[in-house]
Each structure stands twice: as C-alpha cells, then as structure tokens.
C-alpha atoms as a PDB file:
ATOM      1  CA  MET A   1     -25.067  -3.446  22.609  1.00  0.00           C
ATOM      2  CA  SER A   2     -24.904   0.118  21.374  1.00  0.00           C
ATOM      3  CA  GLN A   3     -25.363   0.530  17.485  1.00  0.00           C
ATOM      4  CA  THR A   4     -22.634   2.389  14.924  1.00  0.00           C
ATOM      5  CA  ALA A   5     -23.752   4.661  13.047  1.00  0.00           C
ATOM      6  CA  TRP A   6     -22.422   4.426   9.575  1.00  0.00           C
ATOM      7  CA  ASN A   7     -21.336   7.351   6.876  1.00  0.00           C
ATOM      8  CA  PRO A   8     -23.401   7.046   4.206  1.00  0.00           C
ATOM      9  CA  ARG A   9     -21.108   6.508   1.634  1.00  0.00           C
ATOM     10  CA  TYR A  10     -19.364   3.067   3.617  1.00  0.00           C
ATOM     11  CA  LEU A  11     -22.962   1.769   3.402  1.00  0.00           C
ATOM     12  CA  ALA A  12     -23.488   2.448  -0.060  1.00  0.00           C
ATOM     13  CA  TYR A  13     -19.708   0.644  -0.395  1.00  0.00           C
ATOM     14  CA  CYS A  14     -21.416  -1.970   1.876  1.00  0.00           C
ATOM     15  CA  ARG A  15     -24.412  -2.364  -0.727  1.00  0.00           C
ATOM     16  CA  ALA A  16     -21.810  -2.486  -3.958  1.00  0.00           C
ATOM     17  CA  HIS A  17     -20.782  -5.241  -2.880  1.00  0.00           C
ATOM     18  CA  LYS A  18     -22.951  -7.272  -1.524  1.00  0.00           C
ATOM     19  CA  LYS A  19     -22.613  -7.489   1.934  1.00  0.00           C
ATOM     20  CA  THR A  20     -23.270  -6.211   5.935  1.00  0.00           C
ATOM     21  CA  PRO A  21     -21.452  -3.272   7.421  1.00  0.00           C
ATOM     22  CA  GLU A  22     -20.403  -5.731   9.688  1.00  0.00           C
ATOM     23  CA  GLN A  23     -19.343  -8.368   6.360  1.00  0.00           C
ATOM     24  CA  MET A  24     -17.632  -5.759   4.630  1.00  0.00           C
ATOM     25  CA  LEU A  25     -15.247  -5.187   7.470  1.00  0.00           C
ATOM     26  CA  GLU A  26     -14.344  -8.290   7.928  1.00  0.00           C
ATOM     27  CA  HIS A  27     -13.572  -9.037   4.757  1.00  0.00           C
ATOM     28  CA  ASP A  28     -11.499  -6.074   4.609  1.00  0.00           C
ATOM     29  CA  ARG A  29      -9.518  -6.929   7.639  1.00  0.00           C
ATOM     30  CA  GLU A  30      -8.371  -9.940   5.556  1.00  0.00           C
ATOM     31  CA  GLN A  31      -7.526  -8.972   2.087  1.00  0.00           C
ATOM     32  CA  TYR A  32      -6.352  -5.182   3.235  1.00  0.00           C
ATOM     33  CA  PRO A  33      -4.400  -6.271   6.588  1.00  0.00           C
ATOM     34  CA  GLY A  34      -2.644  -3.126   8.384  1.00  0.00           C
ATOM     35  CA  GLY A  35      -5.396  -1.175   6.546  1.00  0.00           C
ATOM     36  CA  CYS A  36      -8.857  -1.788   6.456  1.00  0.00           C
ATOM     37  CA  MET A  37     -10.199   0.750   5.681  1.00  0.00           C
ATOM     38  CA  CYS A  38      -8.047   0.787   2.627  1.00  0.00           C
ATOM     39  CA  GLY A  39     -10.541  -1.041   0.152  1.00  0.00           C
ATOM     40  CA  TYR A  40     -13.281   1.863   0.808  1.00  0.00           C
ATOM     41  CA  ILE A  41     -10.610   4.945  -0.015  1.00  0.00           C
ATOM     42  CA  LEU A  42      -9.624   3.327  -3.168  1.00  0.00           C
ATOM     43  CA  TRP A  43     -13.665   2.454  -4.507  1.00  0.00           C
ATOM     44  CA  HIS A  44     -14.818   5.542  -3.375  1.00  0.00           C
ATOM     45  CA  SER A  45     -11.807   7.699  -4.866  1.00  0.00           C
ATOM     46  CA  ALA A  46     -12.878   5.978  -8.035  1.00  0.00           C
ATOM     47  CA  LYS A  47     -16.382   6.627  -7.623  1.00  0.00           C
ATOM     48  CA  LEU A  48     -15.599  10.781  -7.545  1.00  0.00           C
ATOM     49  CA  ALA A  49     -13.267  10.093 -10.739  1.00  0.00           C
ATOM     50  CA  GLU A  50     -15.818   8.532 -12.227  1.00  0.00           C
ATOM     51  CA  ALA A  51     -18.654  11.159 -11.117  1.00  0.00           C
ATOM     52  CA  LYS A  52     -15.851  14.313 -11.892  1.00  0.00           C
ATOM     53  CA  ARG A  53     -15.407  12.660 -15.756  1.00  0.00           C
ATOM     54  CA  THR A  54     -19.556  12.214 -16.006  1.00  0.00           C
ATOM     55  CA  HIS A  55     -20.392  15.310 -13.649  1.00  0.00           C
ATOM     56  CA  PRO A  56     -18.400  18.168 -13.308  1.00  0.00           C
ATOM     57  CA  GLU A  57     -20.757  20.353 -12.061  1.00  0.00           C
ATOM     58  CA  PHE A  58     -20.278  18.806  -8.868  1.00  0.00           C
ATOM     59  CA  PHE A  59     -16.548  19.823  -8.226  1.00  0.00           C
ATOM     60  CA  TYR A  60     -15.235  22.972  -8.342  1.00  0.00           C
ATOM     61  CA  ILE A  61     -11.634  23.997  -8.768  1.00  0.00           C
ATOM     62  CA  GLY A  62      -9.892  25.411  -5.883  1.00  0.00           C
ATOM     63  CA  PHE A  63      -6.402  26.697  -5.538  1.00  0.00           C
ATOM     64  CA  ALA A  64      -3.999  25.342  -6.809  1.00  0.00           C
ATOM     65  CA  GLY A  65      -6.369  23.632  -9.968  1.00  0.00           C
ATOM     66  CA  ILE A  66      -6.984  20.792  -6.638  1.00  0.00           C
ATOM     67  CA  ASP A  67     -10.521  19.842  -7.177  1.00  0.00           C
ATOM     68  CA  GLY A  68     -13.291  19.747  -4.239  1.00  0.00           C
ATOM     69  CA  LEU A  69     -16.615  18.813  -4.348  1.00  0.00           C
ATOM     70  CA  LEU A  70     -19.312  21.005  -3.396  1.00  0.00           C
ATOM     71  CA  ASP A  71     -22.372  19.763  -4.208  1.00  0.00           C
ATOM     72  CA  HIS A  72     -22.787  16.515  -1.795  1.00  0.00           C
ATOM     73  CA  LYS A  73     -26.307  16.679  -2.565  1.00  0.00           C
ATOM     74  CA  ASN A  74     -26.904  14.770  -5.844  1.00  0.00           C
ATOM     75  CA  TYR A  75     -22.919  13.185  -5.630  1.00  0.00           C
ATOM     76  CA  ASP A  76     -25.099  11.613  -3.174  1.00  0.00           C
ATOM     77  CA  LYS A  77     -27.823  10.372  -4.910  1.00  0.00           C
ATOM     78  CA  TRP A  78     -25.812  10.229  -8.486  1.00  0.00           C
ATOM     79  CA  LEU A  79     -23.524   8.082  -6.018  1.00  0.00           C
ATOM     80  CA  ASN A  80     -26.750   5.757  -4.413  1.00  0.00           C
ATOM     81  CA  ALA A  81     -27.482   5.449  -8.049  1.00  0.00           C
ATOM     82  CA  SER A  82     -25.041   4.435  -9.843  1.00  0.00           C
ATOM     83  CA  ILE A  83     -24.307   1.532  -7.675  1.00  0.00           C
ATOM     84  CA  GLN A  84     -26.354  -1.994  -9.399  1.00  0.00           C
END
C-alpha cells in the first residue's frame, strides 16, 4: 500500500474540519460533485484573504497590482496557528 504525501496546507484544511485527509476527500466529493478540491480552494482562498488583512507583510504587490505570497514560512505558521 502506497502512502500519499499530503500538502501541508491541505492537512491544515483537514484539521480545521476535524477530518482525516481521506475523510475530507470523501466529504468534498459528495459536497462538490465534479470538483472535489473546490472546498479546499474556497477555504484556502479565504485564509489567504484573512492573512492579507492581518499580515500584509507576508505579501508583495506584483505586476499590475496582482498580489503574491512572499513569506511562505510565516504564512504557514500563521495558518496552522489560526486553526482552532
């Protein structure tokens, strides 16, 4: 049996919903038919927006005013600490 190497930010999403990665995938397959990663994308987009409001130093303003995440290490620390 092979083990999946889970993305740490996806694992944070699972912890936030008190589910294992496998349970979260099954839940999201039912919740979002045809787009099982939609729940994660929506959740993580909201977390990025929250971090941008509370920690703008994690981001930079790029070409044409498009923001980008610059400080991945501190963002990931913040993300994990933001999960109750």
